Amino acid sequence: MKRQKNIQVTLPDNRSLIFSRVRHHSKSELVISLITNAVGWGIWLYFWKVLFTSLAWYFGINLAYEDWIIYGGWRKFLTFFESTAPFGFVLCLVLMIWVIQDILRFKIERRRSGMRQPSIEKDVLWTKLTLEELQKARTLKVMQCHHNPDGEIVKVKPLN
């Protein structure tokens, strides 16, 4: 079926200026366009990095000059180190001593020394597995356990 033209202007070969179907880009064309665009913006920003950094340094040095030299901020900085900083230093020192003594205490002291580890022979009594199956499963350390309706382990399978 031939559509009627909505406008009077046509292209050569009597083609209309209004498209009935729009051609969409393929995924590969879209990906290439996005990558090219990202690389272009990256290069553009990389070249402007020097200007941005220079402006940041200028404003930072200007603020430091105003605060330290013009308004005498260095005196407040020294006052902080004379009056407040020693308390923070002492607190950090106390915490470091506490941490070091805990580290040394746990290095020397054997924690849980009175607890006996359960034996594999006792564990086999609670399952329907053989001793060899349970030993193999424990050496692999990652196991998938299958239970029966009573909650007993009936099969242990290592996961890869």
N, C-alpha and C. Protein backbone atom coordinates (compact mmCIF):
# COMPACT_ATOMS: atom_id res chain seq x y z
N MET A 1 0.84 -1.17 0.00
CA MET A 1 0.00 0.00 0.00
C MET A 1 0.88 1.23 0.00
N LYS A 2 0.57 2.18 -0.85
CA LYS A 2 1.36 3.40 -0.94
C LYS A 2 0.72 4.46 -0.08
N ARG A 3 1.54 5.09 0.79
CA ARG A 3 1.01 6.13 1.67
C ARG A 3 0.95 7.46 0.93
N GLN A 4 0.03 8.27 1.37
CA GLN A 4 -0.05 9.60 0.80
C GLN A 4 1.01 10.48 1.43
N LYS A 5 1.51 11.40 0.67
CA LYS A 5 2.52 12.31 1.17
C LYS A 5 1.83 13.42 1.96
N ASN A 6 2.43 13.74 3.12
CA ASN A 6 1.86 14.81 3.96
C ASN A 6 2.41 16.18 3.58
N ILE A 7 3.49 16.18 2.85
CA ILE A 7 4.07 17.47 2.44
C ILE A 7 4.27 17.44 0.93
N GLN A 8 4.44 18.60 0.40
CA GLN A 8 4.55 18.72 -1.05
C GLN A 8 5.99 18.56 -1.53
N VAL A 9 6.98 18.82 -0.63
CA VAL A 9 8.38 18.76 -1.04
C VAL A 9 8.83 17.32 -1.06
N THR A 10 9.49 16.89 -2.11
CA THR A 10 10.00 15.52 -2.20
C THR A 10 11.46 15.55 -2.59
N LEU A 11 12.08 14.42 -2.38
CA LEU A 11 13.47 14.25 -2.75
C LEU A 11 13.51 13.68 -4.16
N PRO A 12 14.73 13.56 -4.72
CA PRO A 12 14.80 12.91 -6.04
C PRO A 12 14.21 11.51 -5.98
N ASP A 13 13.79 10.99 -7.06
CA ASP A 13 13.12 9.70 -7.20
C ASP A 13 11.75 9.69 -6.49
N ASN A 14 11.20 10.88 -6.28
CA ASN A 14 9.87 11.02 -5.71
C ASN A 14 9.74 10.40 -4.31
N ARG A 15 10.80 10.50 -3.49
CA ARG A 15 10.77 9.99 -2.11
C ARG A 15 10.33 11.10 -1.18
N SER A 16 9.58 10.78 -0.16
CA SER A 16 9.05 11.75 0.78
C SER A 16 10.12 12.11 1.81
N LEU A 17 10.00 13.29 2.41
CA LEU A 17 10.90 13.71 3.49
C LEU A 17 10.50 13.11 4.83
N ILE A 18 9.33 12.56 4.97
CA ILE A 18 8.89 11.97 6.22
C ILE A 18 9.15 10.47 6.15
N PHE A 19 9.85 9.98 7.16
CA PHE A 19 10.19 8.55 7.19
C PHE A 19 9.08 7.79 7.89
N SER A 20 8.68 6.70 7.32
CA SER A 20 7.68 5.87 7.99
C SER A 20 8.35 4.89 8.95
N ARG A 21 9.59 4.52 8.69
CA ARG A 21 10.34 3.61 9.57
C ARG A 21 11.67 4.25 9.89
N VAL A 22 12.03 4.22 11.16
CA VAL A 22 13.30 4.80 11.60
C VAL A 22 14.31 3.68 11.73
N ARG A 23 15.49 3.91 11.22
CA ARG A 23 16.56 2.91 11.33
C ARG A 23 17.27 3.12 12.66
N HIS A 24 17.23 2.12 13.53
CA HIS A 24 17.92 2.18 14.81
C HIS A 24 19.32 1.62 14.65
N HIS A 25 20.23 2.15 15.48
CA HIS A 25 21.60 1.67 15.45
C HIS A 25 21.67 0.26 16.03
N SER A 26 22.60 -0.51 15.55
CA SER A 26 22.79 -1.85 16.12
C SER A 26 23.53 -1.72 17.44
N LYS A 27 23.55 -2.79 18.20
CA LYS A 27 24.22 -2.76 19.50
C LYS A 27 25.71 -2.50 19.35
N SER A 28 26.34 -3.07 18.34
CA SER A 28 27.78 -2.85 18.16
C SER A 28 28.06 -1.39 17.82
N GLU A 29 27.19 -0.78 16.97
CA GLU A 29 27.37 0.65 16.67
C GLU A 29 27.19 1.49 17.93
N LEU A 30 26.23 1.13 18.76
CA LEU A 30 25.99 1.87 20.00
C LEU A 30 27.17 1.74 20.95
N VAL A 31 27.72 0.54 21.10
CA VAL A 31 28.87 0.32 21.99
C VAL A 31 30.09 1.08 21.49
N ILE A 32 30.34 1.02 20.19
CA ILE A 32 31.49 1.75 19.63
C ILE A 32 31.32 3.24 19.84
N SER A 33 30.10 3.74 19.65
CA SER A 33 29.83 5.16 19.86
C SER A 33 30.06 5.55 21.33
N LEU A 34 29.59 4.72 22.26
CA LEU A 34 29.78 5.02 23.69
C LEU A 34 31.25 5.01 24.07
N ILE A 35 31.99 4.02 23.59
CA ILE A 35 33.43 3.94 23.91
C ILE A 35 34.17 5.13 23.33
N THR A 36 33.87 5.48 22.07
CA THR A 36 34.52 6.63 21.45
C THR A 36 34.20 7.91 22.21
N ASN A 37 32.96 8.04 22.61
CA ASN A 37 32.55 9.22 23.37
C ASN A 37 33.28 9.30 24.71
N ALA A 38 33.37 8.17 25.42
CA ALA A 38 34.05 8.16 26.72
C ALA A 38 35.53 8.48 26.56
N VAL A 39 36.17 7.91 25.55
CA VAL A 39 37.60 8.20 25.31
C VAL A 39 37.79 9.67 24.98
N GLY A 40 36.91 10.21 24.14
CA GLY A 40 37.00 11.63 23.79
C GLY A 40 36.87 12.53 25.00
N TRP A 41 35.87 12.25 25.85
CA TRP A 41 35.70 13.05 27.06
C TRP A 41 36.89 12.88 28.00
N GLY A 42 37.42 11.67 28.09
CA GLY A 42 38.59 11.45 28.95
C GLY A 42 39.79 12.27 28.49
N ILE A 43 40.02 12.28 27.19
CA ILE A 43 41.14 13.09 26.65
C ILE A 43 40.88 14.57 26.89
N TRP A 44 39.65 15.00 26.65
CA TRP A 44 39.30 16.40 26.86
C TRP A 44 39.54 16.83 28.31
N LEU A 45 39.06 16.04 29.27
CA LEU A 45 39.25 16.37 30.68
C LEU A 45 40.71 16.26 31.10
N TYR A 46 41.43 15.33 30.50
CA TYR A 46 42.85 15.18 30.83
C TYR A 46 43.62 16.45 30.46
N PHE A 47 43.29 17.04 29.32
CA PHE A 47 43.99 18.27 28.92
C PHE A 47 43.58 19.46 29.78
N TRP A 48 42.37 19.46 30.32
CA TRP A 48 41.94 20.55 31.18
C TRP A 48 42.34 20.34 32.64
N LYS A 49 42.90 19.18 32.94
CA LYS A 49 43.30 18.86 34.31
C LYS A 49 44.30 19.87 34.87
N VAL A 50 45.21 20.30 34.05
CA VAL A 50 46.23 21.27 34.50
C VAL A 50 45.57 22.56 34.95
N LEU A 51 44.61 23.04 34.17
CA LEU A 51 43.92 24.27 34.54
C LEU A 51 43.13 24.10 35.84
N PHE A 52 42.39 22.99 35.94
CA PHE A 52 41.61 22.74 37.16
C PHE A 52 42.52 22.65 38.38
N THR A 53 43.63 21.95 38.25
CA THR A 53 44.56 21.80 39.37
C THR A 53 45.18 23.14 39.74
N SER A 54 45.54 23.92 38.74
CA SER A 54 46.13 25.24 39.01
C SER A 54 45.15 26.14 39.74
N LEU A 55 43.89 26.11 39.32
CA LEU A 55 42.88 26.93 40.02
C LEU A 55 42.70 26.47 41.46
N ALA A 56 42.68 25.16 41.67
CA ALA A 56 42.52 24.65 43.03
C ALA A 56 43.71 25.06 43.90
N TRP A 57 44.91 24.95 43.36
CA TRP A 57 46.09 25.38 44.12
C TRP A 57 46.03 26.88 44.42
N TYR A 58 45.62 27.68 43.45
CA TYR A 58 45.54 29.13 43.67
C TYR A 58 44.58 29.45 44.80
N PHE A 59 43.37 28.87 44.75
CA PHE A 59 42.39 29.15 45.80
C PHE A 59 42.85 28.60 47.16
N GLY A 60 43.49 27.45 47.17
CA GLY A 60 43.98 26.88 48.42
C GLY A 60 45.07 27.74 49.05
N ILE A 61 46.02 28.18 48.23
CA ILE A 61 47.10 29.03 48.76
C ILE A 61 46.55 30.38 49.21
N ASN A 62 45.59 30.92 48.46
CA ASN A 62 44.98 32.19 48.84
C ASN A 62 44.24 32.06 50.18
N LEU A 63 43.48 30.96 50.35
CA LEU A 63 42.78 30.75 51.62
C LEU A 63 43.76 30.56 52.78
N ALA A 64 44.82 29.81 52.54
CA ALA A 64 45.83 29.60 53.59
C ALA A 64 46.48 30.93 53.96
N TYR A 65 46.79 31.75 52.97
CA TYR A 65 47.40 33.06 53.23
C TYR A 65 46.47 33.93 54.07
N GLU A 66 45.20 33.98 53.68
CA GLU A 66 44.24 34.80 54.43
C GLU A 66 44.08 34.30 55.87
N ASP A 67 43.95 32.98 56.02
CA ASP A 67 43.69 32.43 57.35
C ASP A 67 44.92 32.48 58.24
N TRP A 68 46.08 32.14 57.71
CA TRP A 68 47.28 32.06 58.55
C TRP A 68 47.97 33.40 58.73
N ILE A 69 48.09 34.18 57.69
CA ILE A 69 48.86 35.43 57.77
C ILE A 69 47.97 36.61 58.14
N ILE A 70 46.91 36.83 57.39
CA ILE A 70 46.09 38.03 57.61
C ILE A 70 45.32 37.94 58.93
N TYR A 71 44.65 36.80 59.17
CA TYR A 71 43.82 36.68 60.38
C TYR A 71 44.56 36.03 61.55
N GLY A 72 45.82 35.73 61.42
CA GLY A 72 46.61 35.16 62.51
C GLY A 72 46.21 33.76 62.91
N GLY A 73 45.83 32.95 61.95
CA GLY A 73 45.40 31.59 62.24
C GLY A 73 46.51 30.71 62.79
N TRP A 74 47.75 31.03 62.48
CA TRP A 74 48.86 30.21 62.98
C TRP A 74 48.92 30.27 64.49
N ARG A 75 48.49 31.40 65.11
CA ARG A 75 48.48 31.48 66.57
C ARG A 75 47.46 30.51 67.15
N LYS A 76 46.29 30.40 66.52
CA LYS A 76 45.27 29.46 66.97
C LYS A 76 45.76 28.02 66.79
N PHE A 77 46.49 27.78 65.71
CA PHE A 77 47.05 26.46 65.46
C PHE A 77 48.03 26.08 66.56
N LEU A 78 48.89 27.02 66.95
CA LEU A 78 49.84 26.76 68.04
C LEU A 78 49.11 26.59 69.37
N THR A 79 48.07 27.38 69.59
CA THR A 79 47.28 27.24 70.81
C THR A 79 46.64 25.87 70.90
N PHE A 80 46.15 25.34 69.75
CA PHE A 80 45.58 24.00 69.72
C PHE A 80 46.62 22.97 70.14
N PHE A 81 47.83 23.08 69.61
CA PHE A 81 48.88 22.13 69.96
C PHE A 81 49.33 22.27 71.41
N GLU A 82 49.21 23.44 71.96
CA GLU A 82 49.61 23.62 73.36
C GLU A 82 48.55 23.16 74.34
N SER A 83 47.27 23.35 74.01
CA SER A 83 46.22 23.07 75.01
C SER A 83 45.42 21.80 74.74
N THR A 84 45.04 21.53 73.50
CA THR A 84 44.12 20.42 73.21
C THR A 84 44.84 19.15 72.77
N ALA A 85 45.84 19.28 71.93
CA ALA A 85 46.50 18.11 71.36
C ALA A 85 47.12 17.18 72.41
N PRO A 86 47.68 17.69 73.52
CA PRO A 86 48.24 16.74 74.50
C PRO A 86 47.21 15.75 75.06
N PHE A 87 45.95 16.19 75.23
CA PHE A 87 44.91 15.28 75.72
C PHE A 87 44.66 14.15 74.71
N GLY A 88 44.60 14.49 73.43
CA GLY A 88 44.42 13.49 72.39
C GLY A 88 45.60 12.54 72.33
N PHE A 89 46.81 13.08 72.49
CA PHE A 89 48.01 12.24 72.46
C PHE A 89 48.00 11.25 73.63
N VAL A 90 47.63 11.73 74.82
CA VAL A 90 47.59 10.85 75.99
C VAL A 90 46.51 9.78 75.81
N LEU A 91 45.35 10.15 75.27
CA LEU A 91 44.30 9.17 75.02
C LEU A 91 44.76 8.10 74.03
N CYS A 92 45.42 8.51 72.95
CA CYS A 92 45.94 7.54 71.98
C CYS A 92 46.99 6.64 72.62
N LEU A 93 47.84 7.20 73.46
CA LEU A 93 48.87 6.42 74.13
C LEU A 93 48.25 5.37 75.06
N VAL A 94 47.22 5.77 75.81
CA VAL A 94 46.54 4.82 76.70
C VAL A 94 45.90 3.69 75.89
N LEU A 95 45.24 4.03 74.78
CA LEU A 95 44.63 3.00 73.95
C LEU A 95 45.66 2.08 73.33
N MET A 96 46.80 2.60 72.91
CA MET A 96 47.86 1.76 72.34
C MET A 96 48.43 0.81 73.40
N ILE A 97 48.61 1.29 74.62
CA ILE A 97 49.11 0.42 75.70
C ILE A 97 48.10 -0.69 75.98
N TRP A 98 46.81 -0.34 75.98
CA TRP A 98 45.77 -1.34 76.22
C TRP A 98 45.77 -2.40 75.12
N VAL A 99 45.91 -1.98 73.87
CA VAL A 99 45.92 -2.93 72.75
C VAL A 99 47.15 -3.82 72.81
N ILE A 100 48.31 -3.25 73.09
CA ILE A 100 49.55 -4.04 73.15
C ILE A 100 49.49 -5.06 74.28
N GLN A 101 48.97 -4.66 75.43
CA GLN A 101 48.90 -5.63 76.53
C GLN A 101 47.91 -6.74 76.21
N ASP A 102 46.81 -6.44 75.50
CA ASP A 102 45.88 -7.49 75.08
C ASP A 102 46.54 -8.44 74.09
N ILE A 103 47.29 -7.90 73.15
CA ILE A 103 47.99 -8.74 72.17
C ILE A 103 48.97 -9.65 72.87
N LEU A 104 49.74 -9.10 73.79
CA LEU A 104 50.73 -9.93 74.51
C LEU A 104 50.04 -10.96 75.39
N ARG A 105 48.93 -10.60 76.03
CA ARG A 105 48.24 -11.53 76.90
C ARG A 105 47.68 -12.70 76.10
N PHE A 106 47.10 -12.44 74.94
CA PHE A 106 46.52 -13.52 74.16
C PHE A 106 47.59 -14.35 73.45
N LYS A 107 48.77 -13.78 73.26
CA LYS A 107 49.86 -14.57 72.70
C LYS A 107 50.37 -15.57 73.72
N ILE A 108 50.45 -15.15 74.95
CA ILE A 108 51.00 -16.01 76.01
C ILE A 108 49.94 -16.98 76.51
N GLU A 109 48.75 -16.48 76.78
CA GLU A 109 47.68 -17.28 77.39
C GLU A 109 47.06 -18.18 76.34
N ARG A 110 46.90 -19.45 76.67
CA ARG A 110 46.24 -20.38 75.75
C ARG A 110 44.75 -20.34 76.03
N ARG A 111 44.03 -19.75 75.14
CA ARG A 111 42.58 -19.65 75.32
C ARG A 111 41.92 -20.96 74.93
N ARG A 112 40.87 -21.27 75.63
CA ARG A 112 40.09 -22.48 75.38
C ARG A 112 40.93 -23.74 75.49
N SER A 113 41.89 -23.71 76.36
CA SER A 113 42.75 -24.89 76.49
C SER A 113 42.03 -26.04 77.19
N GLY A 114 41.01 -25.74 78.00
CA GLY A 114 40.31 -26.79 78.72
C GLY A 114 39.25 -27.48 77.87
N MET A 115 38.92 -26.92 76.72
CA MET A 115 37.88 -27.51 75.89
C MET A 115 38.48 -28.60 75.02
N ARG A 116 37.79 -29.73 74.99
CA ARG A 116 38.23 -30.82 74.12
C ARG A 116 37.48 -30.72 72.80
N GLN A 117 38.21 -30.91 71.74
CA GLN A 117 37.58 -30.91 70.43
C GLN A 117 36.83 -32.23 70.23
N PRO A 118 35.66 -32.21 69.63
CA PRO A 118 34.92 -33.46 69.42
C PRO A 118 35.67 -34.36 68.44
N SER A 119 35.65 -35.61 68.72
CA SER A 119 36.34 -36.55 67.84
C SER A 119 35.44 -36.94 66.69
N ILE A 120 36.07 -37.32 65.60
CA ILE A 120 35.30 -37.72 64.43
C ILE A 120 34.54 -39.02 64.69
N GLU A 121 35.08 -39.83 65.60
CA GLU A 121 34.38 -41.08 65.93
C GLU A 121 33.05 -40.80 66.62
N LYS A 122 33.01 -39.75 67.48
CA LYS A 122 31.75 -39.39 68.14
C LYS A 122 30.77 -38.78 67.13
N ASP A 123 31.30 -38.03 66.16
CA ASP A 123 30.42 -37.43 65.15
C ASP A 123 29.79 -38.48 64.26
N VAL A 124 30.52 -39.56 64.00
CA VAL A 124 29.98 -40.62 63.14
C VAL A 124 28.78 -41.28 63.80
N LEU A 125 28.75 -41.33 65.13
CA LEU A 125 27.63 -41.94 65.83
C LEU A 125 26.31 -41.21 65.57
N TRP A 126 26.38 -39.91 65.27
CA TRP A 126 25.17 -39.10 65.07
C TRP A 126 24.72 -39.10 63.61
N THR A 127 25.45 -39.73 62.73
CA THR A 127 25.10 -39.72 61.31
C THR A 127 24.98 -41.15 60.80
N LYS A 128 24.55 -41.26 59.55
CA LYS A 128 24.50 -42.55 58.89
C LYS A 128 25.64 -42.68 57.90
N LEU A 129 26.70 -41.89 58.09
CA LEU A 129 27.85 -41.92 57.21
C LEU A 129 28.90 -42.88 57.76
N THR A 130 29.77 -43.28 56.88
CA THR A 130 30.91 -44.07 57.35
C THR A 130 32.01 -43.11 57.79
N LEU A 131 32.96 -43.64 58.53
CA LEU A 131 34.07 -42.82 59.02
C LEU A 131 34.86 -42.23 57.86
N GLU A 132 35.08 -43.00 56.80
CA GLU A 132 35.86 -42.52 55.65
C GLU A 132 35.14 -41.39 54.92
N GLU A 133 33.80 -41.51 54.77
CA GLU A 133 33.05 -40.45 54.09
C GLU A 133 33.12 -39.13 54.86
N LEU A 134 32.98 -39.21 56.16
CA LEU A 134 33.03 -38.00 56.98
C LEU A 134 34.43 -37.40 57.00
N GLN A 135 35.47 -38.23 57.07
CA GLN A 135 36.84 -37.71 57.03
C GLN A 135 37.12 -37.01 55.71
N LYS A 136 36.67 -37.61 54.60
CA LYS A 136 36.89 -37.00 53.29
C LYS A 136 36.16 -35.66 53.19
N ALA A 137 34.94 -35.61 53.70
CA ALA A 137 34.17 -34.38 53.65
C ALA A 137 34.82 -33.29 54.51
N ARG A 138 35.36 -33.66 55.65
CA ARG A 138 36.00 -32.66 56.53
C ARG A 138 37.31 -32.15 55.96
N THR A 139 38.04 -32.98 55.24
CA THR A 139 39.30 -32.49 54.67
C THR A 139 39.02 -31.49 53.57
N LEU A 140 37.90 -31.62 52.85
CA LEU A 140 37.56 -30.68 51.79
C LEU A 140 36.95 -29.39 52.36
N LYS A 141 36.40 -29.43 53.57
CA LYS A 141 35.91 -28.29 54.35
C LYS A 141 34.65 -27.62 53.79
N VAL A 142 34.33 -27.79 52.52
CA VAL A 142 33.12 -27.21 51.98
C VAL A 142 32.21 -28.37 51.65
N MET A 143 31.11 -28.47 52.40
CA MET A 143 30.26 -29.64 52.27
C MET A 143 28.81 -29.24 52.06
N GLN A 144 28.10 -30.08 51.33
CA GLN A 144 26.65 -29.93 51.20
C GLN A 144 26.04 -31.12 51.92
N CYS A 145 25.27 -30.85 52.96
CA CYS A 145 24.70 -31.93 53.79
C CYS A 145 23.26 -32.21 53.36
N HIS A 146 22.92 -33.48 53.27
CA HIS A 146 21.56 -33.91 52.97
C HIS A 146 21.02 -34.60 54.21
N HIS A 147 19.81 -34.19 54.63
CA HIS A 147 19.20 -34.71 55.85
C HIS A 147 17.97 -35.54 55.50
N ASN A 148 17.67 -36.49 56.36
CA ASN A 148 16.41 -37.23 56.23
C ASN A 148 15.33 -36.48 57.01
N PRO A 149 14.07 -36.90 56.95
CA PRO A 149 13.01 -36.17 57.67
C PRO A 149 13.22 -36.10 59.18
N ASP A 150 14.02 -37.02 59.75
CA ASP A 150 14.28 -36.97 61.19
C ASP A 150 15.37 -35.98 61.56
N GLY A 151 16.02 -35.36 60.56
CA GLY A 151 17.07 -34.39 60.84
C GLY A 151 18.45 -34.99 60.90
N GLU A 152 18.59 -36.27 60.61
CA GLU A 152 19.91 -36.89 60.63
C GLU A 152 20.59 -36.68 59.28
N ILE A 153 21.90 -36.50 59.32
CA ILE A 153 22.67 -36.34 58.09
C ILE A 153 22.78 -37.72 57.44
N VAL A 154 22.35 -37.80 56.19
CA VAL A 154 22.42 -39.08 55.48
C VAL A 154 23.45 -39.07 54.37
N LYS A 155 23.83 -37.86 53.90
CA LYS A 155 24.80 -37.79 52.83
C LYS A 155 25.52 -36.45 52.90
N VAL A 156 26.82 -36.51 52.71
CA VAL A 156 27.63 -35.29 52.67
C VAL A 156 28.36 -35.30 51.34
N LYS A 157 28.19 -34.22 50.59
CA LYS A 157 28.80 -34.14 49.27
C LYS A 157 29.69 -32.91 49.23
N PRO A 158 30.95 -33.05 48.83
CA PRO A 158 31.82 -31.86 48.75
C PRO A 158 31.40 -30.98 47.58
N LEU A 159 31.46 -29.67 47.81
CA LEU A 159 31.17 -28.70 46.76
C LEU A 159 32.46 -28.23 46.13
N ASN A 160 32.46 -28.05 44.85
CA ASN A 160 33.66 -27.56 44.16
C ASN A 160 33.55 -26.10 43.90
